[in-house]
N, C-alpha and C. Protein backbone atom coordinates (compact mmCIF):
# COMPACT_ATOMS: atom_id res chain seq x y z
N MET A 1 0.82 -1.07 0.11
CA MET A 1 0.06 0.13 -0.28
C MET A 1 0.62 1.52 0.29
N SER A 2 0.60 2.31 -0.81
CA SER A 2 1.49 3.20 -0.95
C SER A 2 0.51 4.58 -0.43
N VAL A 3 1.16 5.46 0.13
CA VAL A 3 0.09 6.32 1.10
C VAL A 3 1.24 7.55 0.29
N ASP A 4 -0.21 8.19 -0.39
CA ASP A 4 0.12 9.62 -1.23
C ASP A 4 -0.07 10.97 -0.69
N ALA A 5 0.51 11.99 -0.61
CA ALA A 5 -0.06 13.07 -0.14
C ALA A 5 -1.89 13.47 0.43
N ALA A 6 -2.23 12.69 -0.34
CA ALA A 6 -4.02 13.11 0.10
C ALA A 6 -4.37 12.45 1.01
N THR A 7 -3.71 11.15 1.42
CA THR A 7 -3.67 10.56 2.27
C THR A 7 -3.34 11.19 3.91
N VAL A 8 -1.94 11.59 3.96
CA VAL A 8 -1.55 12.26 4.19
C VAL A 8 -2.59 13.58 5.11
N LYS A 9 -2.93 14.23 3.95
CA LYS A 9 -3.36 14.89 4.47
C LYS A 9 -5.16 14.63 5.23
N LYS A 10 -5.64 13.74 4.13
CA LYS A 10 -6.31 13.15 5.35
C LYS A 10 -6.91 12.81 6.68
N ILE A 11 -5.57 12.29 6.93
CA ILE A 11 -4.94 11.82 8.23
C ILE A 11 -4.65 12.78 9.02
N ALA A 12 -4.14 14.06 8.77
CA ALA A 12 -3.99 14.90 9.51
C ALA A 12 -5.72 15.56 9.34
N SER A 13 -6.64 16.04 8.91
CA SER A 13 -7.14 16.41 8.78
C SER A 13 -7.75 16.08 10.33
N LEU A 14 -8.06 14.44 10.16
CA LEU A 14 -8.85 13.75 10.96
C LEU A 14 -7.98 14.15 12.62
N ALA A 15 -7.08 14.02 12.22
CA ALA A 15 -5.94 14.47 13.33
C ALA A 15 -6.20 15.42 14.48
N ARG A 16 -7.01 16.41 13.05
CA ARG A 16 -6.77 17.96 13.89
C ARG A 16 -5.39 18.49 14.11
N ILE A 17 -4.18 17.88 12.94
CA ILE A 17 -3.37 18.53 13.35
C ILE A 17 -2.70 18.84 11.42
N ALA A 18 -2.72 20.44 11.70
CA ALA A 18 -2.45 21.55 10.78
C ALA A 18 -1.02 20.96 10.62
N ILE A 19 -0.26 20.73 9.16
CA ILE A 19 0.56 20.35 8.47
C ILE A 19 1.06 21.02 6.91
N THR A 20 1.96 21.89 6.78
CA THR A 20 2.57 22.14 5.61
C THR A 20 2.61 21.39 4.40
N ASP A 21 2.79 21.47 3.41
CA ASP A 21 2.65 20.92 2.49
C ASP A 21 3.90 20.30 2.21
N GLU A 22 4.97 20.75 3.04
CA GLU A 22 6.71 19.92 2.93
C GLU A 22 6.53 18.83 4.10
N GLU A 23 5.84 19.52 4.93
CA GLU A 23 5.70 18.33 6.38
C GLU A 23 4.68 17.19 5.48
N VAL A 24 4.19 17.55 4.74
CA VAL A 24 3.41 16.26 4.34
C VAL A 24 4.27 15.35 2.92
N ALA A 25 5.29 16.21 2.08
CA ALA A 25 5.93 15.54 1.63
C ALA A 25 7.22 14.32 2.46
N LYS A 26 7.67 15.40 3.89
CA LYS A 26 8.83 14.14 4.63
C LYS A 26 7.73 13.20 5.47
N ILE A 27 6.24 13.39 5.74
CA ILE A 27 5.55 12.03 6.24
C ILE A 27 5.03 10.94 5.55
N ALA A 28 4.75 11.15 4.30
CA ALA A 28 3.93 10.03 3.30
C ALA A 28 5.27 9.27 3.21
N PRO A 29 6.63 9.23 3.14
CA PRO A 29 7.50 8.38 2.96
C PRO A 29 7.72 7.38 4.46
N GLU A 30 7.68 8.07 5.05
CA GLU A 30 7.60 7.29 6.81
C GLU A 30 6.38 6.74 7.11
N LEU A 31 5.75 6.84 6.91
CA LEU A 31 4.15 6.32 6.72
C LEU A 31 4.10 5.25 6.05
N ASP A 32 4.54 5.41 4.59
CA ASP A 32 4.46 4.17 4.09
C ASP A 32 5.87 3.30 4.16
N ASN A 33 6.67 3.27 5.22
CA ASN A 33 7.39 2.49 5.63
C ASN A 33 7.09 1.93 6.93
N ILE A 34 6.13 2.97 7.64
CA ILE A 34 5.84 2.15 9.38
C ILE A 34 4.54 0.90 8.10
N LEU A 35 3.62 1.62 7.31
CA LEU A 35 2.75 0.18 7.15
C LEU A 35 3.69 -0.62 6.19
N GLY A 36 4.79 -1.15 5.95
CA GLY A 36 5.59 -1.76 5.06
C GLY A 36 6.01 -2.65 6.55
N TRP A 37 6.50 -2.22 7.61
CA TRP A 37 6.78 -2.79 8.29
C TRP A 37 5.67 -3.44 9.24
N ILE A 38 4.68 -3.12 9.23
CA ILE A 38 3.16 -3.84 9.47
C ILE A 38 3.16 -4.79 8.76
N GLU A 39 2.74 -4.78 7.10
CA GLU A 39 2.82 -5.64 6.76
C GLU A 39 3.47 -6.93 6.67
N GLN A 40 5.04 -6.91 6.94
CA GLN A 40 6.11 -7.69 7.49
C GLN A 40 5.72 -8.44 9.02
N LEU A 41 5.12 -7.99 9.75
CA LEU A 41 4.95 -8.47 10.86
C LEU A 41 3.49 -9.62 10.79
N GLY A 42 3.04 -9.02 9.54
CA GLY A 42 1.81 -9.75 9.13
C GLY A 42 1.96 -11.20 8.70
N GLU A 43 3.21 -11.23 8.40
CA GLU A 43 3.52 -12.45 7.63
C GLU A 43 4.60 -13.78 8.81
N VAL A 44 4.48 -12.38 9.79
CA VAL A 44 5.46 -13.71 10.70
C VAL A 44 4.00 -15.26 11.59
N ASP A 45 4.39 -16.32 11.44
CA ASP A 45 3.82 -17.10 11.72
C ASP A 45 3.78 -17.50 13.01
N THR A 46 2.30 -16.53 14.00
CA THR A 46 2.52 -17.07 15.28
C THR A 46 1.48 -17.86 15.95
N SER A 47 1.26 -19.40 15.00
CA SER A 47 0.38 -20.05 15.38
C SER A 47 0.51 -21.05 16.64
N SER A 48 1.63 -20.79 16.82
CA SER A 48 2.50 -22.13 17.96
C SER A 48 2.75 -20.99 19.36
N VAL A 49 2.68 -19.46 19.24
CA VAL A 49 2.78 -19.03 20.15
C VAL A 49 1.84 -18.30 20.87
N GLU A 50 1.83 -18.74 22.46
CA GLU A 50 0.83 -18.36 23.04
C GLU A 50 0.22 -16.56 23.81
N PRO A 51 -0.79 -16.53 23.59
CA PRO A 51 -0.59 -15.19 23.91
C PRO A 51 -0.18 -14.55 25.31
N MET A 52 0.50 -13.83 25.38
CA MET A 52 1.21 -13.12 27.29
C MET A 52 0.32 -11.86 26.82
N THR A 53 -0.21 -11.39 28.22
CA THR A 53 -0.85 -10.48 29.14
C THR A 53 0.65 -9.52 29.64
N ALA A 54 1.43 -10.23 30.01
CA ALA A 54 3.25 -9.01 30.07
C ALA A 54 4.26 -10.05 29.76
N VAL A 55 5.11 -9.94 30.03
CA VAL A 55 6.48 -9.87 29.15
C VAL A 55 7.47 -10.88 30.42
N ILE A 56 6.96 -10.15 31.52
CA ILE A 56 7.53 -10.69 32.69
C ILE A 56 6.12 -10.89 33.37
N ALA A 57 5.95 -12.57 33.99
CA ALA A 57 4.75 -13.06 34.57
C ALA A 57 4.97 -12.44 36.07
N ASN A 58 3.95 -11.32 36.20
CA ASN A 58 3.69 -10.78 37.64
C ASN A 58 2.18 -11.45 38.04
N HIS A 59 2.39 -11.39 39.75
CA HIS A 59 1.05 -11.82 40.53
C HIS A 59 0.76 -10.85 41.31
N LEU A 60 -0.37 -10.51 41.22
CA LEU A 60 -0.95 -8.99 42.06
C LEU A 60 -1.22 -10.07 44.19
N ARG A 61 -0.21 -9.35 44.41
CA ARG A 61 -0.65 -9.49 46.02
C ARG A 61 -1.81 -8.50 46.49
N LEU A 62 -2.74 -9.53 47.08
CA LEU A 62 -3.60 -9.06 47.37
C LEU A 62 -3.97 -9.14 49.02
N ARG A 63 -4.85 -8.24 49.96
CA ARG A 63 -5.04 -8.28 51.31
C ARG A 63 -6.50 -8.20 51.42
N ASP A 64 -6.68 -8.86 52.64
CA ASP A 64 -7.91 -8.36 53.30
C ASP A 64 -8.40 -7.17 52.91
N ASP A 65 -10.03 -6.92 52.81
CA ASP A 65 -10.19 -5.29 52.75
C ASP A 65 -10.85 -5.06 54.10
N VAL A 66 -10.63 -4.72 54.95
CA VAL A 66 -10.53 -4.21 56.09
C VAL A 66 -10.13 -2.75 57.03
N VAL A 67 -11.46 -2.42 57.22
CA VAL A 67 -11.19 -0.74 58.05
C VAL A 67 -10.78 -0.99 59.17
N THR A 68 -9.34 0.21 58.95
CA THR A 68 -8.78 0.68 60.19
C THR A 68 -9.27 1.51 61.11
N ASP A 69 -9.49 2.09 60.52
CA ASP A 69 -9.14 4.15 60.97
C ASP A 69 -10.66 4.37 61.05
N GLY A 70 -11.76 3.34 61.27
CA GLY A 70 -13.40 3.80 61.80
C GLY A 70 -13.26 4.34 63.19
N GLY A 71 -14.82 4.81 63.02
CA GLY A 71 -15.31 4.92 64.64
C GLY A 71 -14.68 6.42 65.55
N LYS A 72 -14.39 6.84 64.22
CA LYS A 72 -13.73 8.67 64.75
C LYS A 72 -14.66 9.78 64.52
N ARG A 73 -16.09 9.63 64.12
CA ARG A 73 -16.97 10.07 63.90
C ARG A 73 -17.07 11.68 64.44
N ASP A 74 -17.39 10.71 65.78
CA ASP A 74 -17.32 12.95 66.83
C ASP A 74 -16.06 13.48 66.52
N ALA A 75 -14.98 12.57 66.88
CA ALA A 75 -13.57 13.48 66.63
C ALA A 75 -13.53 13.97 65.07
N VAL A 76 -13.78 13.51 64.58
CA VAL A 76 -13.96 14.21 63.06
C VAL A 76 -14.65 15.76 63.25
N LEU A 77 -16.09 15.05 63.69
CA LEU A 77 -16.82 16.38 63.59
C LEU A 77 -16.85 17.58 64.63
N ALA A 78 -15.98 17.35 65.84
CA ALA A 78 -15.26 18.36 66.69
C ALA A 78 -14.64 19.14 65.68
N ASN A 79 -14.12 19.15 64.70
CA ASN A 79 -13.88 19.90 63.43
C ASN A 79 -14.88 20.83 63.08
N ALA A 80 -15.51 20.48 62.87
CA ALA A 80 -16.62 21.43 61.95
C ALA A 80 -17.26 22.72 62.78
N PRO A 81 -17.31 23.52 61.88
CA PRO A 81 -17.93 24.83 62.20
C PRO A 81 -19.63 24.70 63.03
N GLN A 82 -20.38 23.95 62.36
CA GLN A 82 -21.22 23.30 62.72
C GLN A 82 -21.75 22.06 62.47
N ALA A 83 -22.36 21.03 63.45
CA ALA A 83 -23.51 20.01 62.61
C ALA A 83 -24.09 19.57 63.41
N GLU A 84 -24.92 18.61 63.39
CA GLU A 84 -25.92 18.51 63.48
C GLU A 84 -26.67 16.89 63.45
N HIS A 85 -26.99 16.08 64.13
CA HIS A 85 -27.50 14.90 64.09
C HIS A 85 -26.13 13.50 63.59
N GLY A 86 -25.06 14.29 63.76
CA GLY A 86 -24.12 13.55 63.58
C GLY A 86 -23.61 13.12 61.85
N PHE A 87 -24.17 14.64 61.13
CA PHE A 87 -23.30 15.11 60.10
C PHE A 87 -23.02 16.50 60.19
N PHE A 88 -22.14 17.18 59.06
CA PHE A 88 -21.63 18.25 58.94
C PHE A 88 -22.97 19.28 58.38
N THR A 89 -23.64 20.14 58.89
CA THR A 89 -24.30 21.05 58.40
C THR A 89 -23.80 22.23 57.45
N VAL A 90 -24.14 22.56 56.44
CA VAL A 90 -23.54 23.59 55.49
C VAL A 90 -25.34 24.68 55.04
N PRO A 91 -24.16 25.48 54.61
CA PRO A 91 -25.19 26.86 54.11
C PRO A 91 -26.41 26.17 53.16
N LYS A 92 -27.74 26.33 52.68
CA LYS A 92 -28.65 26.13 51.77
C LYS A 92 -27.68 26.72 50.41
N VAL A 93 -27.42 26.37 49.38
CA VAL A 93 -27.21 26.68 47.88
C VAL A 93 -27.72 27.34 47.09
N ILE A 94 -28.94 26.45 46.93
CA ILE A 94 -30.16 26.57 46.26
C ILE A 94 -31.03 27.61 46.78
N GLU A 95 -31.72 28.29 45.69
CA GLU A 95 -32.29 29.25 45.89
C GLU A 95 -33.76 29.11 45.81
């Protein structure tokens, strides 16, 4: 597949990138080379290779989800300017 100037301009337009005609002339062969590499990768036989999620086998270390700092409602509400019924009291903001 050959990338021409019109294709580069269309891609730049879709990506909302402003490019000049000089930049189009430089980018077209680069995109053509990239597509050539992708075609080469498509020719590689990967049928015997198992899919991987990472190069290094990572295992997540999980811990129990335990609340360790609960039961401090009164201490927190002591810092509030106003509190009622165990909640912060704030001024009404809707008229």
